Amino acid sequence: MKWRSEGHADAAMHSMWSWMPLVVIGATVIAAAGHAVLNGSAMRQRAEQLKAEQIDQENRALCEKLGIHLGSDRFGACAGILSEARRLQSERLAIETAGIL
């Protein structure tokens, strides 16, 4: 009788060890995915920051070409007009893309 229960224990241990590599791989995949999500969020935030800086530089350059310098009363209005032009262009591009797809 004792020998028979030892056989079941050995079978259970063998079964457990056969699943262990899958458990380790699964845990590794979950950890990597979590890291990618966190890292992706930071990358997205950095990309948005760089885009905002680029737009500010473009606004400054274009408004100054029109004689409207940073800090002047009219600079805010100039930057607002450029933002509206960008928004309208984005809408046109989205409509064109939707029509093609």
PDB file of N, CA and C in Angstrom:
ATOM      1  N   MET A   1       0.814  -1.188   0.000  1.00  0.00           N
ATOM      2  CA  MET A   1       0.000   0.000   0.000  1.00  0.00           C
ATOM      3  C   MET A   1       0.862   1.259   0.000  1.00  0.00           C
ATOM      4  N   LYS A   2       1.881   1.216   0.854  1.00  0.00           N
ATOM      5  CA  LYS A   2       2.733   2.380   0.951  1.00  0.00           C
ATOM      6  C   LYS A   2       3.392   2.667  -0.401  1.00  0.00           C
ATOM      7  N   TRP A   3       3.835   1.633  -1.085  1.00  0.00           N
ATOM      8  CA  TRP A   3       4.489   1.794  -2.374  1.00  0.00           C
ATOM      9  C   TRP A   3       3.562   2.439  -3.395  1.00  0.00           C
ATOM     10  N   ARG A   4       2.288   2.073  -3.341  1.00  0.00           N
ATOM     11  CA  ARG A   4       1.304   2.603  -4.285  1.00  0.00           C
ATOM     12  C   ARG A   4       1.112   4.110  -4.101  1.00  0.00           C
ATOM     13  N   SER A   5       1.023   4.602  -2.850  1.00  0.00           N
ATOM     14  CA  SER A   5       0.847   6.034  -2.629  1.00  0.00           C
ATOM     15  C   SER A   5       2.105   6.801  -2.991  1.00  0.00           C
ATOM     16  N   GLU A   6       3.272   6.178  -2.851  1.00  0.00           N
ATOM     17  CA  GLU A   6       4.500   6.835  -3.289  1.00  0.00           C
ATOM     18  C   GLU A   6       4.481   7.015  -4.806  1.00  0.00           C
ATOM     19  N   GLY A   7       3.912   6.064  -5.511  1.00  0.00           N
ATOM     20  CA  GLY A   7       3.800   6.169  -6.961  1.00  0.00           C
ATOM     21  C   GLY A   7       2.929   7.339  -7.371  1.00  0.00           C
ATOM     22  N   HIS A   8       1.845   7.557  -6.629  1.00  0.00           N
ATOM     23  CA  HIS A   8       0.978   8.707  -6.911  1.00  0.00           C
ATOM     24  C   HIS A   8       1.701  10.019  -6.625  1.00  0.00           C
ATOM     25  N   ALA A   9       2.477  10.032  -5.554  1.00  0.00           N
ATOM     26  CA  ALA A   9       3.229  11.244  -5.214  1.00  0.00           C
ATOM     27  C   ALA A   9       4.257  11.539  -6.289  1.00  0.00           C
ATOM     28  N   ASP A  10       4.933  10.486  -6.760  1.00  0.00           N
ATOM     29  CA  ASP A  10       5.924  10.687  -7.828  1.00  0.00           C
ATOM     30  C   ASP A  10       5.260  11.189  -9.099  1.00  0.00           C
ATOM     31  N   ALA A  11       4.107  10.646  -9.407  1.00  0.00           N
ATOM     32  CA  ALA A  11       3.380  11.081 -10.607  1.00  0.00           C
ATOM     33  C   ALA A  11       2.948  12.538 -10.467  1.00  0.00           C
ATOM     34  N   ALA A  12       2.502  12.904  -9.271  1.00  0.00           N
ATOM     35  CA  ALA A  12       2.086  14.292  -9.042  1.00  0.00           C
ATOM     36  C   ALA A  12       3.272  15.235  -9.162  1.00  0.00           C
ATOM     37  N   MET A  13       4.424  14.838  -8.611  1.00  0.00           N
ATOM     38  CA  MET A  13       5.627  15.677  -8.711  1.00  0.00           C
ATOM     39  C   MET A  13       6.073  15.812 -10.164  1.00  0.00           C
ATOM     40  N   HIS A  14       6.027  14.701 -10.891  1.00  0.00           N
ATOM     41  CA  HIS A  14       6.410  14.738 -12.304  1.00  0.00           C
ATOM     42  C   HIS A  14       5.474  15.657 -13.089  1.00  0.00           C
ATOM     43  N   SER A  15       4.182  15.559 -12.801  1.00  0.00           N
ATOM     44  CA  SER A  15       3.200  16.406 -13.467  1.00  0.00           C
ATOM     45  C   SER A  15       3.457  17.880 -13.154  1.00  0.00           C
ATOM     46  N   MET A  16       3.767  18.181 -11.878  1.00  0.00           N
ATOM     47  CA  MET A  16       4.026  19.563 -11.487  1.00  0.00           C
ATOM     48  C   MET A  16       5.249  20.105 -12.217  1.00  0.00           C
ATOM     49  N   TRP A  17       6.319  19.298 -12.264  1.00  0.00           N
ATOM     50  CA  TRP A  17       7.537  19.771 -12.912  1.00  0.00           C
ATOM     51  C   TRP A  17       7.369  19.899 -14.416  1.00  0.00           C
ATOM     52  N   SER A  18       6.477  19.148 -14.999  1.00  0.00           N
ATOM     53  CA  SER A  18       6.274  19.280 -16.442  1.00  0.00           C
ATOM     54  C   SER A  18       5.576  20.596 -16.787  1.00  0.00           C
ATOM     55  N   TRP A  19       4.805  21.139 -15.860  1.00  0.00           N
ATOM     56  CA  TRP A  19       4.129  22.422 -16.070  1.00  0.00           C
ATOM     57  C   TRP A  19       4.999  23.615 -15.681  1.00  0.00           C
ATOM     58  N   MET A  20       6.031  23.397 -14.897  1.00  0.00           N
ATOM     59  CA  MET A  20       6.844  24.496 -14.367  1.00  0.00           C
ATOM     60  C   MET A  20       7.423  25.394 -15.467  1.00  0.00           C
ATOM     61  N   PRO A  21       7.981  24.847 -16.551  1.00  0.00           N
ATOM     62  CA  PRO A  21       8.503  25.744 -17.596  1.00  0.00           C
ATOM     63  C   PRO A  21       7.425  26.669 -18.171  1.00  0.00           C
ATOM     64  N   LEU A  22       6.212  26.161 -18.311  1.00  0.00           N
ATOM     65  CA  LEU A  22       5.127  27.000 -18.830  1.00  0.00           C
ATOM     66  C   LEU A  22       4.783  28.110 -17.861  1.00  0.00           C
ATOM     67  N   VAL A  23       4.802  27.806 -16.569  1.00  0.00           N
ATOM     68  CA  VAL A  23       4.515  28.822 -15.554  1.00  0.00           C
ATOM     69  C   VAL A  23       5.590  29.898 -15.581  1.00  0.00           C
ATOM     70  N   VAL A  24       6.844  29.498 -15.677  1.00  0.00           N
ATOM     71  CA  VAL A  24       7.954  30.459 -15.718  1.00  0.00           C
ATOM     72  C   VAL A  24       7.856  31.323 -16.973  1.00  0.00           C
ATOM     73  N   ILE A  25       7.593  30.707 -18.110  1.00  0.00           N
ATOM     74  CA  ILE A  25       7.461  31.470 -19.363  1.00  0.00           C
ATOM     75  C   ILE A  25       6.282  32.436 -19.272  1.00  0.00           C
ATOM     76  N   GLY A  26       5.170  31.980 -18.741  1.00  0.00           N
ATOM     77  CA  GLY A  26       3.997  32.855 -18.591  1.00  0.00           C
ATOM     78  C   GLY A  26       4.288  34.042 -17.702  1.00  0.00           C
ATOM     79  N   ALA A  27       4.956  33.798 -16.574  1.00  0.00           N
ATOM     80  CA  ALA A  27       5.295  34.895 -15.661  1.00  0.00           C
ATOM     81  C   ALA A  27       6.243  35.886 -16.337  1.00  0.00           C
ATOM     82  N   THR A  28       7.175  35.375 -17.116  1.00  0.00           N
ATOM     83  CA  THR A  28       8.115  36.243 -17.828  1.00  0.00           C
ATOM     84  C   THR A  28       7.390  37.105 -18.859  1.00  0.00           C
ATOM     85  N   VAL A  29       6.472  36.513 -19.586  1.00  0.00           N
ATOM     86  CA  VAL A  29       5.705  37.254 -20.600  1.00  0.00           C
ATOM     87  C   VAL A  29       4.863  38.346 -19.938  1.00  0.00           C
ATOM     88  N   ILE A  30       4.222  38.012 -18.827  1.00  0.00           N
ATOM     89  CA  ILE A  30       3.399  38.997 -18.116  1.00  0.00           C
ATOM     90  C   ILE A  30       4.259  40.142 -17.597  1.00  0.00           C
ATOM     91  N   ALA A  31       5.417  39.824 -17.046  1.00  0.00           N
ATOM     92  CA  ALA A  31       6.308  40.871 -16.547  1.00  0.00           C
ATOM     93  C   ALA A  31       6.806  41.759 -17.680  1.00  0.00           C
ATOM     94  N   ALA A  32       7.162  41.156 -18.814  1.00  0.00           N
ATOM     95  CA  ALA A  32       7.635  41.937 -19.962  1.00  0.00           C
ATOM     96  C   ALA A  32       6.535  42.825 -20.514  1.00  0.00           C
ATOM     97  N   ALA A  33       5.316  42.298 -20.567  1.00  0.00           N
ATOM     98  CA  ALA A  33       4.190  43.101 -21.074  1.00  0.00           C
ATOM     99  C   ALA A  33       3.925  44.281 -20.150  1.00  0.00           C
ATOM    100  N   GLY A  34       3.983  44.061 -18.856  1.00  0.00           N
ATOM    101  CA  GLY A  34       3.789  45.156 -17.911  1.00  0.00           C
ATOM    102  C   GLY A  34       4.850  46.223 -18.073  1.00  0.00           C
ATOM    103  N   HIS A  35       6.088  45.809 -18.272  1.00  0.00           N
ATOM    104  CA  HIS A  35       7.175  46.765 -18.482  1.00  0.00           C
ATOM    105  C   HIS A  35       6.968  47.547 -19.775  1.00  0.00           C
ATOM    106  N   ALA A  36       6.531  46.871 -20.820  1.00  0.00           N
ATOM    107  CA  ALA A  36       6.297  47.535 -22.106  1.00  0.00           C
ATOM    108  C   ALA A  36       5.186  48.571 -21.998  1.00  0.00           C
ATOM    109  N   VAL A  37       4.144  48.244 -21.246  1.00  0.00           N
ATOM    110  CA  VAL A  37       3.036  49.190 -21.073  1.00  0.00           C
ATOM    111  C   VAL A  37       3.521  50.434 -20.333  1.00  0.00           C
ATOM    112  N   LEU A  38       4.261  50.226 -19.255  1.00  0.00           N
ATOM    113  CA  LEU A  38       4.764  51.367 -18.492  1.00  0.00           C
ATOM    114  C   LEU A  38       5.745  52.187 -19.315  1.00  0.00           C
ATOM    115  N   ASN A  39       6.636  51.518 -20.019  1.00  0.00           N
ATOM    116  CA  ASN A  39       7.608  52.207 -20.842  1.00  0.00           C
ATOM    117  C   ASN A  39       6.930  52.899 -22.019  1.00  0.00           C
ATOM    118  N   GLY A  40       5.914  52.260 -22.600  1.00  0.00           N
ATOM    119  CA  GLY A  40       5.181  52.856 -23.713  1.00  0.00           C
ATOM    120  C   GLY A  40       4.482  54.131 -23.307  1.00  0.00           C
ATOM    121  N   SER A  41       3.944  54.176 -22.098  1.00  0.00           N
ATOM    122  CA  SER A  41       3.280  55.372 -21.598  1.00  0.00           C
ATOM    123  C   SER A  41       4.271  56.520 -21.472  1.00  0.00           C
ATOM    124  N   ALA A  42       5.450  56.243 -20.945  1.00  0.00           N
ATOM    125  CA  ALA A  42       6.480  57.278 -20.810  1.00  0.00           C
ATOM    126  C   ALA A  42       6.927  57.766 -22.180  1.00  0.00           C
ATOM    127  N   MET A  43       7.064  56.843 -23.129  1.00  0.00           N
ATOM    128  CA  MET A  43       7.461  57.232 -24.482  1.00  0.00           C
ATOM    129  C   MET A  43       6.392  58.095 -25.138  1.00  0.00           C
ATOM    130  N   ARG A  44       5.129  57.750 -24.913  1.00  0.00           N
ATOM    131  CA  ARG A  44       4.026  58.518 -25.482  1.00  0.00           C
ATOM    132  C   ARG A  44       4.015  59.935 -24.900  1.00  0.00           C
ATOM    133  N   GLN A  45       4.224  60.050 -23.597  1.00  0.00           N
ATOM    134  CA  GLN A  45       4.264  61.366 -22.955  1.00  0.00           C
ATOM    135  C   GLN A  45       5.416  62.197 -23.503  1.00  0.00           C
ATOM    136  N   ARG A  46       6.572  61.567 -23.688  1.00  0.00           N
ATOM    137  CA  ARG A  46       7.731  62.279 -24.224  1.00  0.00           C
ATOM    138  C   ARG A  46       7.468  62.739 -25.653  1.00  0.00           C
ATOM    139  N   ALA A  47       6.824  61.889 -26.456  1.00  0.00           N
ATOM    140  CA  ALA A  47       6.503  62.254 -27.838  1.00  0.00           C
ATOM    141  C   ALA A  47       5.549  63.439 -27.876  1.00  0.00           C
ATOM    142  N   GLU A  48       4.568  63.451 -26.986  1.00  0.00           N
ATOM    143  CA  GLU A  48       3.623  64.572 -26.922  1.00  0.00           C
ATOM    144  C   GLU A  48       4.332  65.852 -26.507  1.00  0.00           C
ATOM    145  N   GLN A  49       5.275  65.737 -25.565  1.00  0.00           N
ATOM    146  CA  GLN A  49       6.034  66.904 -25.127  1.00  0.00           C
ATOM    147  C   GLN A  49       6.875  67.458 -26.273  1.00  0.00           C
ATOM    148  N   LEU A  50       7.542  66.574 -27.011  1.00  0.00           N
ATOM    149  CA  LEU A  50       8.355  67.015 -28.148  1.00  0.00           C
ATOM    150  C   LEU A  50       7.498  67.662 -29.229  1.00  0.00           C
ATOM    151  N   LYS A  51       6.313  67.109 -29.463  1.00  0.00           N
ATOM    152  CA  LYS A  51       5.402  67.678 -30.461  1.00  0.00           C
ATOM    153  C   LYS A  51       4.971  69.087 -30.043  1.00  0.00           C
ATOM    154  N   ALA A  52       4.654  69.271 -28.775  1.00  0.00           N
ATOM    155  CA  ALA A  52       4.238  70.595 -28.279  1.00  0.00           C
ATOM    156  C   ALA A  52       5.382  71.596 -28.415  1.00  0.00           C
ATOM    157  N   GLU A  53       6.607  71.158 -28.111  1.00  0.00           N
ATOM    158  CA  GLU A  53       7.767  72.050 -28.248  1.00  0.00           C
ATOM    159  C   GLU A  53       7.979  72.437 -29.711  1.00  0.00           C
ATOM    160  N   GLN A  54       7.819  71.470 -30.606  1.00  0.00           N
ATOM    161  CA  GLN A  54       7.981  71.739 -32.036  1.00  0.00           C
ATOM    162  C   GLN A  54       6.932  72.735 -32.515  1.00  0.00           C
ATOM    163  N   ILE A  55       5.688  72.553 -32.078  1.00  0.00           N
ATOM    164  CA  ILE A  55       4.616  73.472 -32.474  1.00  0.00           C
ATOM    165  C   ILE A  55       4.898  74.874 -31.942  1.00  0.00           C
ATOM    166  N   ASP A  56       5.376  74.976 -30.704  1.00  0.00           N
ATOM    167  CA  ASP A  56       5.722  76.294 -30.157  1.00  0.00           C
ATOM    168  C   ASP A  56       6.810  76.974 -30.983  1.00  0.00           C
ATOM    169  N   GLN A  57       7.813  76.204 -31.382  1.00  0.00           N
ATOM    170  CA  GLN A  57       8.893  76.763 -32.209  1.00  0.00           C
ATOM    171  C   GLN A  57       8.367  77.213 -33.571  1.00  0.00           C
ATOM    172  N   GLU A  58       7.495  76.394 -34.170  1.00  0.00           N
ATOM    173  CA  GLU A  58       6.907  76.774 -35.462  1.00  0.00           C
ATOM    174  C   GLU A  58       6.062  78.032 -35.320  1.00  0.00           C
ATOM    175  N   ASN A  59       5.246  78.101 -34.266  1.00  0.00           N
ATOM    176  CA  ASN A  59       4.421  79.286 -34.031  1.00  0.00           C
ATOM    177  C   ASN A  59       5.294  80.529 -33.916  1.00  0.00           C
ATOM    178  N   ARG A  60       6.343  80.415 -33.124  1.00  0.00           N
ATOM    179  CA  ARG A  60       7.227  81.563 -32.922  1.00  0.00           C
ATOM    180  C   ARG A  60       7.845  81.996 -34.246  1.00  0.00           C
ATOM    181  N   ALA A  61       8.346  81.027 -35.028  1.00  0.00           N
ATOM    182  CA  ALA A  61       9.007  81.359 -36.290  1.00  0.00           C
ATOM    183  C   ALA A  61       8.026  81.982 -37.282  1.00  0.00           C
ATOM    184  N   LEU A  62       6.835  81.394 -37.430  1.00  0.00           N
ATOM    185  CA  LEU A  62       5.871  81.922 -38.395  1.00  0.00           C
ATOM    186  C   LEU A  62       5.326  83.287 -37.981  1.00  0.00           C
ATOM    187  N   CYS A  63       5.002  83.428 -36.708  1.00  0.00           N
ATOM    188  CA  CYS A  63       4.471  84.719 -36.250  1.00  0.00           C
ATOM    189  C   CYS A  63       5.532  85.811 -36.360  1.00  0.00           C
ATOM    190  N   GLU A  64       6.787  85.479 -36.060  1.00  0.00           N
ATOM    191  CA  GLU A  64       7.843  86.480 -36.165  1.00  0.00           C
ATOM    192  C   GLU A  64       8.079  86.883 -37.614  1.00  0.00           C
ATOM    193  N   LYS A  65       7.892  85.948 -38.562  1.00  0.00           N
ATOM    194  CA  LYS A  65       7.992  86.303 -39.982  1.00  0.00           C
ATOM    195  C   LYS A  65       6.931  87.328 -40.359  1.00  0.00           C
ATOM    196  N   LEU A  66       5.801  87.295 -39.634  1.00  0.00           N
ATOM    197  CA  LEU A  66       4.731  88.265 -39.869  1.00  0.00           C
ATOM    198  C   LEU A  66       4.925  89.539 -39.041  1.00  0.00           C
ATOM    199  N   GLY A  67       6.034  89.615 -38.319  1.00  0.00           N
ATOM    200  CA  GLY A  67       6.315  90.793 -37.509  1.00  0.00           C
ATOM    201  C   GLY A  67       5.633  90.774 -36.148  1.00  0.00           C
ATOM    202  N   ILE A  68       5.165  89.620 -35.721  1.00  0.00           N
ATOM    203  CA  ILE A  68       4.476  89.485 -34.435  1.00  0.00           C
ATOM    204  C   ILE A  68       5.402  88.690 -33.518  1.00  0.00           C
ATOM    205  N   HIS A  69       6.019  89.380 -32.586  1.00  0.00           N
ATOM    206  CA  HIS A  69       7.041  88.765 -31.750  1.00  0.00           C
ATOM    207  C   HIS A  69       6.465  88.170 -30.469  1.00  0.00           C
ATOM    208  N   LEU A  70       7.160  87.137 -29.975  1.00  0.00           N
ATOM    209  CA  LEU A  70       6.787  86.484 -28.732  1.00  0.00           C
ATOM    210  C   LEU A  70       6.717  87.525 -27.614  1.00  0.00           C
ATOM    211  N   GLY A  71       5.665  87.494 -26.854  1.00  0.00           N
ATOM    212  CA  GLY A  71       5.482  88.447 -25.762  1.00  0.00           C
ATOM    213  C   GLY A  71       4.634  89.643 -26.141  1.00  0.00           C
ATOM    214  N   SER A  72       4.391  89.819 -27.445  1.00  0.00           N
ATOM    215  CA  SER A  72       3.556  90.950 -27.862  1.00  0.00           C
ATOM    216  C   SER A  72       2.091  90.600 -27.636  1.00  0.00           C
ATOM    217  N   ASP A  73       1.252  91.634 -27.672  1.00  0.00           N
ATOM    218  CA  ASP A  73      -0.189  91.433 -27.474  1.00  0.00           C
ATOM    219  C   ASP A  73      -0.791  90.547 -28.563  1.00  0.00           C
ATOM    220  N   ARG A  74      -0.272  90.630 -29.752  1.00  0.00           N
ATOM    221  CA  ARG A  74      -0.851  89.898 -30.889  1.00  0.00           C
ATOM    222  C   ARG A  74      -0.315  88.490 -31.052  1.00  0.00           C
ATOM    223  N   PHE A  75       0.741  88.130 -30.315  1.00  0.00           N
ATOM    224  CA  PHE A  75       1.339  86.806 -30.490  1.00  0.00           C
ATOM    225  C   PHE A  75       0.354  85.693 -30.144  1.00  0.00           C
ATOM    226  N   GLY A  76      -0.407  85.830 -29.090  1.00  0.00           N
ATOM    227  CA  GLY A  76      -1.394  84.815 -28.698  1.00  0.00           C
ATOM    228  C   GLY A  76      -2.424  84.593 -29.789  1.00  0.00           C
ATOM    229  N   ALA A  77      -2.867  85.689 -30.399  1.00  0.00           N
ATOM    230  CA  ALA A  77      -3.847  85.570 -31.481  1.00  0.00           C
ATOM    231  C   ALA A  77      -3.226  84.866 -32.684  1.00  0.00           C
ATOM    232  N   CYS A  78      -1.983  85.200 -32.994  1.00  0.00           N
ATOM    233  CA  CYS A  78      -1.288  84.564 -34.126  1.00  0.00           C
ATOM    234  C   CYS A  78      -1.142  83.063 -33.880  1.00  0.00           C
ATOM    235  N   ALA A  79      -0.698  82.687 -32.699  1.00  0.00           N
ATOM    236  CA  ALA A  79      -0.540  81.272 -32.358  1.00  0.00           C
ATOM    237  C   ALA A  79      -1.886  80.558 -32.385  1.00  0.00           C
ATOM    238  N   GLY A  80      -2.943  81.227 -31.966  1.00  0.00           N
ATOM    239  CA  GLY A  80      -4.283  80.642 -31.998  1.00  0.00           C
ATOM    240  C   GLY A  80      -4.753  80.386 -33.418  1.00  0.00           C
ATOM    241  N   ILE A  81      -4.470  81.311 -34.318  1.00  0.00           N
ATOM    242  CA  ILE A  81      -4.842  81.138 -35.724  1.00  0.00           C
ATOM    243  C   ILE A  81      -4.082  79.961 -36.334  1.00  0.00           C
ATOM    244  N   LEU A  82      -2.803  79.848 -35.999  1.00  0.00           N
ATOM    245  CA  LEU A  82      -2.017  78.713 -36.499  1.00  0.00           C
ATOM    246  C   LEU A  82      -2.545  77.385 -35.947  1.00  0.00           C
ATOM    247  N   SER A  83      -2.945  77.370 -34.694  1.00  0.00           N
ATOM    248  CA  SER A  83      -3.521  76.155 -34.097  1.00  0.00           C
ATOM    249  C   SER A  83      -4.811  75.764 -34.806  1.00  0.00           C
ATOM    250  N   GLU A  84      -5.632  76.754 -35.113  1.00  0.00           N
ATOM    251  CA  GLU A  84      -6.889  76.488 -35.833  1.00  0.00           C
ATOM    252  C   GLU A  84      -6.596  75.938 -37.222  1.00  0.00           C
ATOM    253  N   ALA A  85      -5.591  76.489 -37.899  1.00  0.00           N
ATOM    254  CA  ALA A  85      -5.221  75.992 -39.228  1.00  0.00           C
ATOM    255  C   ALA A  85      -4.744  74.543 -39.141  1.00  0.00           C
ATOM    256  N   ARG A  86      -3.951  74.218 -38.110  1.00  0.00           N
ATOM    257  CA  ARG A  86      -3.497  72.828 -37.927  1.00  0.00           C
ATOM    258  C   ARG A  86      -4.684  71.901 -37.681  1.00  0.00           C
ATOM    259  N   ARG A  87      -5.636  72.343 -36.856  1.00  0.00           N
ATOM    260  CA  ARG A  87      -6.812  71.529 -36.537  1.00  0.00           C
ATOM    261  C   ARG A  87      -7.621  71.249 -37.802  1.00  0.00           C
ATOM    262  N   LEU A  88      -7.854  72.278 -38.603  1.00  0.00           N
ATOM    263  CA  LEU A  88      -8.614  72.098 -39.840  1.00  0.00           C
ATOM    264  C   LEU A  88      -7.891  71.168 -40.810  1.00  0.00           C
ATOM    265  N   GLN A  89      -6.584  71.301 -40.906  1.00  0.00           N
ATOM    266  CA  GLN A  89      -5.806  70.426 -41.777  1.00  0.00           C
ATOM    267  C   GLN A  89      -5.898  68.980 -41.292  1.00  0.00           C
ATOM    268  N   SER A  90      -5.849  68.768 -39.986  1.00  0.00           N
ATOM    269  CA  SER A  90      -5.982  67.414 -39.433  1.00  0.00           C
ATOM    270  C   SER A  90      -7.342  66.817 -39.756  1.00  0.00           C
ATOM    271  N   GLU A  91      -8.383  67.635 -39.660  1.00  0.00           N
ATOM    272  CA  GLU A  91      -9.733  67.163 -39.996  1.00  0.00           C
ATOM    273  C   GLU A  91      -9.824  66.779 -41.467  1.00  0.00           C
ATOM    274  N   ARG A  92      -9.257  67.620 -42.348  1.00  0.00           N
ATOM    275  CA  ARG A  92      -9.279  67.310 -43.780  1.00  0.00           C
ATOM    276  C   ARG A  92      -8.534  66.008 -44.055  1.00  0.00           C
ATOM    277  N   LEU A  93      -7.398  65.837 -43.433  1.00  0.00           N
ATOM    278  CA  LEU A  93      -6.601  64.624 -43.630  1.00  0.00           C
ATOM    279  C   LEU A  93      -7.369  63.389 -43.122  1.00  0.00           C
ATOM    280  N   ALA A  94      -8.044  63.528 -41.993  1.00  0.00           N
ATOM    281  CA  ALA A  94      -8.821  62.403 -41.436  1.00  0.00           C
ATOM    282  C   ALA A  94      -9.973  62.045 -42.381  1.00  0.00           C
ATOM    283  N   ILE A  95     -10.630  63.052 -42.939  1.00  0.00           N
ATOM    284  CA  ILE A  95     -11.739  62.805 -43.871  1.00  0.00           C
ATOM    285  C   ILE A  95     -11.219  62.133 -45.138  1.00  0.00           C
ATOM    286  N   GLU A  96     -10.103  62.630 -45.657  1.00  0.00           N
ATOM    287  CA  GLU A  96      -9.515  62.026 -46.854  1.00  0.00           C
ATOM    288  C   GLU A  96      -9.109  60.584 -46.599  1.00  0.00           C
ATOM    289  N   THR A  97      -8.494  60.330 -45.455  1.00  0.00           N
ATOM    290  CA  THR A  97      -8.067  58.973 -45.111  1.00  0.00           C
ATOM    291  C   THR A  97      -9.261  58.046 -44.952  1.00  0.00           C
ATOM    292  N   ALA A  98     -10.302  58.522 -44.307  1.00  0.00           N
ATOM    293  CA  ALA A  98     -11.505  57.707 -44.125  1.00  0.00           C
ATOM    294  C   ALA A  98     -12.145  57.379 -45.471  1.00  0.00           C
ATOM    295  N   GLY A  99     -12.093  58.302 -46.411  1.00  0.00           N
ATOM    296  CA  GLY A  99     -12.661  58.077 -47.731  1.00  0.00           C
ATOM    297  C   GLY A  99     -11.875  57.057 -48.536  1.00  0.00           C
ATOM    298  N   ILE A 100     -10.597  57.009 -48.322  1.00  0.00           N
ATOM    299  CA  ILE A 100      -9.738  56.073 -49.050  1.00  0.00           C
ATOM    300  C   ILE A 100      -9.879  54.674 -48.492  1.00  0.00           C
ATOM    301  N   LEU A 101      -9.983  54.576 -47.171  1.00  0.00           N
ATOM    302  CA  LEU A 101     -10.077  53.263 -46.536  1.00  0.00           C
ATOM    303  C   LEU A 101     -11.454  52.757 -46.766  1.00  0.00           C
TER     304      LEU A 101
END
